[in-house]
C-alpha atoms as a PDB file:
ATOM      1  CA  MET A   1      14.301   6.687  19.818  1.00  0.00           C
ATOM      2  CA  SER A   2      13.684   3.276  18.290  1.00  0.00           C
ATOM      3  CA  ASP A   3      10.971   3.018  15.630  1.00  0.00           C
ATOM      4  CA  GLN A   4       9.266   0.349  17.746  1.00  0.00           C
ATOM      5  CA  ASN A   5       8.617   2.911  20.511  1.00  0.00           C
ATOM      6  CA  TYR A   6       6.478   5.244  18.391  1.00  0.00           C
ATOM      7  CA  PRO A   7       2.697   5.183  18.887  1.00  0.00           C
ATOM      8  CA  THR A   8       0.444   3.243  16.530  1.00  0.00           C
ATOM      9  CA  ALA A   9      -0.892   5.488  13.765  1.00  0.00           C
ATOM     10  CA  PRO A  10      -4.511   6.601  14.154  1.00  0.00           C
ATOM     11  CA  LEU A  11      -7.002   5.571  11.479  1.00  0.00           C
ATOM     12  CA  THR A  12      -7.562   9.187  10.351  1.00  0.00           C
ATOM     13  CA  ARG A  13      -3.894   9.593   9.415  1.00  0.00           C
ATOM     14  CA  ARG A  14      -3.892   6.247   7.628  1.00  0.00           C
ATOM     15  CA  LEU A  15      -6.920   7.249   5.550  1.00  0.00           C
ATOM     16  CA  ALA A  16      -5.380  10.639   4.734  1.00  0.00           C
ATOM     17  CA  ALA A  17      -2.173   8.927   3.582  1.00  0.00           C
ATOM     18  CA  MET A  18      -4.281   6.562   1.454  1.00  0.00           C
ATOM     19  CA  ALA A  19      -5.929   9.572  -0.221  1.00  0.00           C
ATOM     20  CA  TYR A  20      -2.507  11.042  -1.069  1.00  0.00           C
ATOM     21  CA  ASP A  21      -1.303   7.688  -2.381  1.00  0.00           C
ATOM     22  CA  GLY A  22      -4.499   7.419  -4.417  1.00  0.00           C
ATOM     23  CA  LEU A  23      -3.460  10.523  -6.360  1.00  0.00           C
ATOM     24  CA  VAL A  24      -0.033   9.021  -7.042  1.00  0.00           C
ATOM     25  CA  LEU A  25      -1.654   5.764  -8.166  1.00  0.00           C
ATOM     26  CA  ILE A  26      -4.044   7.564 -10.538  1.00  0.00           C
ATOM     27  CA  ALA A  27      -1.045   9.217 -12.199  1.00  0.00           C
ATOM     28  CA  LEU A  28       0.728   5.855 -12.456  1.00  0.00           C
ATOM     29  CA  TYR A  29      -2.404   4.172 -13.889  1.00  0.00           C
ATOM     30  CA  ILE A  30      -2.694   6.849 -16.583  1.00  0.00           C
ATOM     31  CA  LEU A  31       0.998   6.767 -17.475  1.00  0.00           C
ATOM     32  CA  LEU A  32       1.602   3.023 -17.399  1.00  0.00           C
ATOM     33  CA  GLY A  33      -1.852   2.142 -18.742  1.00  0.00           C
ATOM     34  CA  GLY A  34      -1.267   4.423 -21.725  1.00  0.00           C
ATOM     35  CA  LEU A  35       2.115   2.836 -22.361  1.00  0.00           C
ATOM     36  CA  LEU A  36       0.617  -0.662 -22.117  1.00  0.00           C
ATOM     37  CA  VAL A  37      -2.241   0.091 -24.528  1.00  0.00           C
ATOM     38  CA  THR A  38       0.183   1.710 -26.982  1.00  0.00           C
ATOM     39  CA  ALA A  39       2.601  -1.225 -26.782  1.00  0.00           C
ATOM     40  CA  VAL A  40      -0.142  -3.838 -27.245  1.00  0.00           C
ATOM     41  CA  SER A  41      -1.567  -1.894 -30.195  1.00  0.00           C
ATOM     42  CA  LYS A  42       1.852  -1.763 -31.873  1.00  0.00           C
ATOM     43  CA  ILE A  43       2.550  -5.455 -31.207  1.00  0.00           C
ATOM     44  CA  ILE A  44      -0.690  -6.656 -32.787  1.00  0.00           C
ATOM     45  CA  GLY A  45      -0.312  -4.158 -35.641  1.00  0.00           C
ATOM     46  CA  SER A  46      -3.540  -2.278 -35.002  1.00  0.00           C
ATOM     47  CA  THR A  47      -3.886   1.261 -36.321  1.00  0.00           C
ATOM     48  CA  GLU A  48      -6.280   2.063 -33.458  1.00  0.00           C
ATOM     49  CA  PHE A  49      -5.674   1.697 -29.759  1.00  0.00           C
ATOM     50  CA  VAL A  50      -6.908  -1.586 -28.301  1.00  0.00           C
ATOM     51  CA  ARG A  51      -9.432  -1.632 -25.467  1.00  0.00           C
ATOM     52  CA  LEU A  52      -8.520  -3.709 -22.452  1.00  0.00           C
ATOM     53  CA  SER A  53     -11.259  -5.823 -20.919  1.00  0.00           C
ATOM     54  CA  PRO A  54     -12.443  -4.803 -17.455  1.00  0.00           C
ATOM     55  CA  ALA A  55     -10.734  -7.865 -15.953  1.00  0.00           C
ATOM     56  CA  MET A  56      -7.454  -6.984 -17.676  1.00  0.00           C
ATOM     57  CA  SER A  57      -7.739  -3.358 -16.546  1.00  0.00           C
ATOM     58  CA  MET A  58      -8.315  -4.396 -12.935  1.00  0.00           C
ATOM     59  CA  SER A  59      -5.370  -6.806 -13.100  1.00  0.00           C
ATOM     60  CA  VAL A  60      -3.110  -4.038 -14.402  1.00  0.00           C
ATOM     61  CA  MET A  61      -4.330  -1.637 -11.706  1.00  0.00           C
ATOM     62  CA  PHE A  62      -3.780  -4.188  -8.930  1.00  0.00           C
ATOM     63  CA  THR A  63      -0.296  -4.987 -10.256  1.00  0.00           C
ATOM     64  CA  ILE A  64       0.668  -1.301 -10.417  1.00  0.00           C
ATOM     65  CA  SER A  65      -0.673  -0.766  -6.886  1.00  0.00           C
ATOM     66  CA  PHE A  66       1.194  -3.774  -5.533  1.00  0.00           C
ATOM     67  CA  LEU A  67       4.472  -2.711  -7.154  1.00  0.00           C
ATOM     68  CA  TYR A  68       4.136   0.877  -5.876  1.00  0.00           C
ATOM     69  CA  TYR A  69       3.331  -0.130  -2.310  1.00  0.00           C
ATOM     70  CA  SER A  70       5.795  -3.020  -2.033  1.00  0.00           C
ATOM     71  CA  HIS A  71       8.649  -0.967  -3.485  1.00  0.00           C
ATOM     72  CA  SER A  72       7.923   1.924  -1.111  1.00  0.00           C
ATOM     73  CA  TRP A  73       7.493  -0.270   1.958  1.00  0.00           C
ATOM     74  CA  ARG A  74      10.636  -2.313   1.304  1.00  0.00           C
ATOM     75  CA  ARG A  75      12.762   0.715   0.413  1.00  0.00           C
ATOM     76  CA  GLY A  76      12.046   2.772   3.519  1.00  0.00           C
ATOM     77  CA  GLY A  77       8.778   1.725   5.099  1.00  0.00           C
ATOM     78  CA  GLN A  78       6.942   4.734   3.673  1.00  0.00           C
ATOM     79  CA  THR A  79       4.941   5.692   0.601  1.00  0.00           C
ATOM     80  CA  ILE A  80       4.648   9.321  -0.514  1.00  0.00           C
ATOM     81  CA  GLY A  81       1.368   9.703   1.385  1.00  0.00           C
ATOM     82  CA  MET A  82       2.826   8.080   4.485  1.00  0.00           C
ATOM     83  CA  LYS A  83       5.784  10.492   4.439  1.00  0.00           C
ATOM     84  CA  ALA A  84       3.427  13.460   4.205  1.00  0.00           C
ATOM     85  CA  TRP A  85       1.425  12.270   7.224  1.00  0.00           C
ATOM     86  CA  GLY A  86       4.369  11.092   9.342  1.00  0.00           C
ATOM     87  CA  LEU A  87       3.604   7.368   9.117  1.00  0.00           C
ATOM     88  CA  LYS A  88       5.971   4.434   8.812  1.00  0.00           C
ATOM     89  CA  LEU A  89       5.378   0.717   8.346  1.00  0.00           C
ATOM     90  CA  LEU A  90       7.378  -1.546  10.651  1.00  0.00           C
ATOM     91  CA  ASN A  91       8.040  -5.262  10.715  1.00  0.00           C
ATOM     92  CA  ASP A  92       6.225  -6.436  13.850  1.00  0.00           C
ATOM     93  CA  ASN A  93       7.308 -10.067  13.498  1.00  0.00           C
ATOM     94  CA  ASN A  94       9.234 -10.228  16.797  1.00  0.00           C
ATOM     95  CA  LYS A  95      10.951 -13.543  16.206  1.00  0.00           C
ATOM     96  CA  ASN A  96      12.167 -12.736  12.678  1.00  0.00           C
ATOM     97  CA  SER A  97      12.471  -8.946  12.492  1.00  0.00           C
ATOM     98  CA  ASN A  98      15.888  -8.280  14.102  1.00  0.00           C
ATOM     99  CA  GLY A  99      15.721  -4.715  12.772  1.00  0.00           C
ATOM    100  CA  ARG A 100      15.025  -5.896   9.236  1.00  0.00           C
ATOM    101  CA  GLY A 101      12.633  -4.017   7.006  1.00  0.00           C
ATOM    102  CA  ILE A 102       9.452  -5.308   5.474  1.00  0.00           C
ATOM    103  CA  GLN A 103       9.791  -8.602   3.580  1.00  0.00           C
ATOM    104  CA  LEU A 104       8.243  -9.283   0.161  1.00  0.00           C
ATOM    105  CA  SER A 105       5.976 -11.951   1.658  1.00  0.00           C
ATOM    106  CA  GLN A 106       4.643  -9.362   4.120  1.00  0.00           C
ATOM    107  CA  CYS A 107       3.983  -6.953   1.235  1.00  0.00           C
ATOM    108  CA  MET A 108       2.076  -9.653  -0.631  1.00  0.00           C
ATOM    109  CA  LEU A 109      -0.065 -10.512   2.412  1.00  0.00           C
ATOM    110  CA  ARG A 110      -0.642  -6.856   3.244  1.00  0.00           C
ATOM    111  CA  SER A 111      -1.702  -5.999  -0.313  1.00  0.00           C
ATOM    112  CA  GLY A 112      -3.985  -9.011  -0.694  1.00  0.00           C
ATOM    113  CA  VAL A 113      -5.717  -8.636   2.658  1.00  0.00           C
ATOM    114  CA  GLY A 114      -5.891  -4.854   2.189  1.00  0.00           C
ATOM    115  CA  PHE A 115      -7.717  -5.377  -1.118  1.00  0.00           C
ATOM    116  CA  PHE A 116     -10.328  -7.563   0.595  1.00  0.00           C
ATOM    117  CA  SER A 117     -10.540  -5.084   3.478  1.00  0.00           C
ATOM    118  CA  LEU A 118     -11.644  -2.458   0.978  1.00  0.00           C
ATOM    119  CA  LEU A 119     -14.091  -4.817  -0.747  1.00  0.00           C
ATOM    120  CA  PHE A 120     -16.058  -5.343   2.445  1.00  0.00           C
ATOM    121  CA  ALA A 121     -16.947  -1.633   2.793  1.00  0.00           C
ATOM    122  CA  GLY A 122     -13.576  -0.935   4.387  1.00  0.00           C
ATOM    123  CA  LEU A 123     -14.356  -3.210   7.347  1.00  0.00           C
ATOM    124  CA  GLY A 124     -10.723  -4.291   7.590  1.00  0.00           C
ATOM    125  CA  PHE A 125      -9.701  -0.660   8.078  1.00  0.00           C
ATOM    126  CA  TRP A 126     -12.531   0.192  10.505  1.00  0.00           C
ATOM    127  CA  TRP A 127     -11.422  -2.812  12.550  1.00  0.00           C
ATOM    128  CA  ALA A 128      -8.560  -0.640  13.840  1.00  0.00           C
ATOM    129  CA  LEU A 129     -11.110   1.396  15.818  1.00  0.00           C
ATOM    130  CA  PHE A 130     -12.059  -1.662  17.875  1.00  0.00           C
ATOM    131  CA  ASP A 131      -8.732  -3.463  18.167  1.00  0.00           C
ATOM    132  CA  LYS A 132      -6.827  -2.757  21.402  1.00  0.00           C
ATOM    133  CA  GLN A 133      -3.572  -2.326  19.459  1.00  0.00           C
ATOM    134  CA  GLN A 134      -5.290  -0.314  16.656  1.00  0.00           C
ATOM    135  CA  ARG A 135      -4.386  -2.913  14.031  1.00  0.00           C
ATOM    136  CA  SER A 136      -6.259  -3.376  10.786  1.00  0.00           C
ATOM    137  CA  TRP A 137      -6.788  -6.763   9.136  1.00  0.00           C
ATOM    138  CA  HIS A 138      -3.758  -6.356   6.896  1.00  0.00           C
ATOM    139  CA  ASP A 139      -1.572  -5.348   9.868  1.00  0.00           C
ATOM    140  CA  MET A 140      -2.543  -8.530  11.686  1.00  0.00           C
ATOM    141  CA  ALA A 141      -2.180 -10.801   8.643  1.00  0.00           C
ATOM    142  CA  SER A 142       1.233  -9.466   7.574  1.00  0.00           C
ATOM    143  CA  LEU A 143       2.686  -9.035  11.085  1.00  0.00           C
ATOM    144  CA  THR A 144       3.355  -5.352  10.470  1.00  0.00           C
ATOM    145  CA  ARG A 145       2.579  -2.191  12.410  1.00  0.00           C
ATOM    146  CA  MET A 146       1.880   1.340  11.198  1.00  0.00           C
ATOM    147  CA  VAL A 147       3.369   3.973  13.504  1.00  0.00           C
ATOM    148  CA  TYR A 148       3.038   7.743  13.734  1.00  0.00           C
ATOM    149  CA  ILE A 149       6.276   9.701  13.995  1.00  0.00           C
ATOM    150  CA  PRO A 150       5.600  13.261  15.199  1.00  0.00           C
ATOM    151  CA  LYS A 151       7.437  16.039  13.309  1.00  0.00           C
ATOM    152  CA  ASN A 152       9.520  17.055  16.328  1.00  0.00           C
ATOM    153  CA  MET A 153      10.871  13.476  16.544  1.00  0.00           C
ATOM    154  CA  GLN A 154      11.843  12.895  12.909  1.00  0.00           C
END
């Protein structure tokens, strides 16, 4: 069965996958944030660890998130949370997809719009409940589609 024939993933599964990915991201933030603070402290010659400003911390967190998601989506269309919940991200750009995976430009759009979707009380995610094709804002902006692949079809 072609990936395009699978049903669109329900919002509950998407949110569950996001929770799983949140745990992975927390681990990455701790690990890479600790390495960054240690490296910066050594470079400037400080005997104590430096404190990053809130803006710098948010920039680092967004960068780590973007790299995690874009690497996972481009490598196989799935993050760890998406694999656990049977979800896969597909290129829905009919004129340019030709079976290709997710492009970097789609990852950038999806991450940026997804960030703003969360800022507005998750409105971009809740939008999937009202859209006929169950698309969220970042699905529409990046021309992608999240599908559910049942276990007996994997």
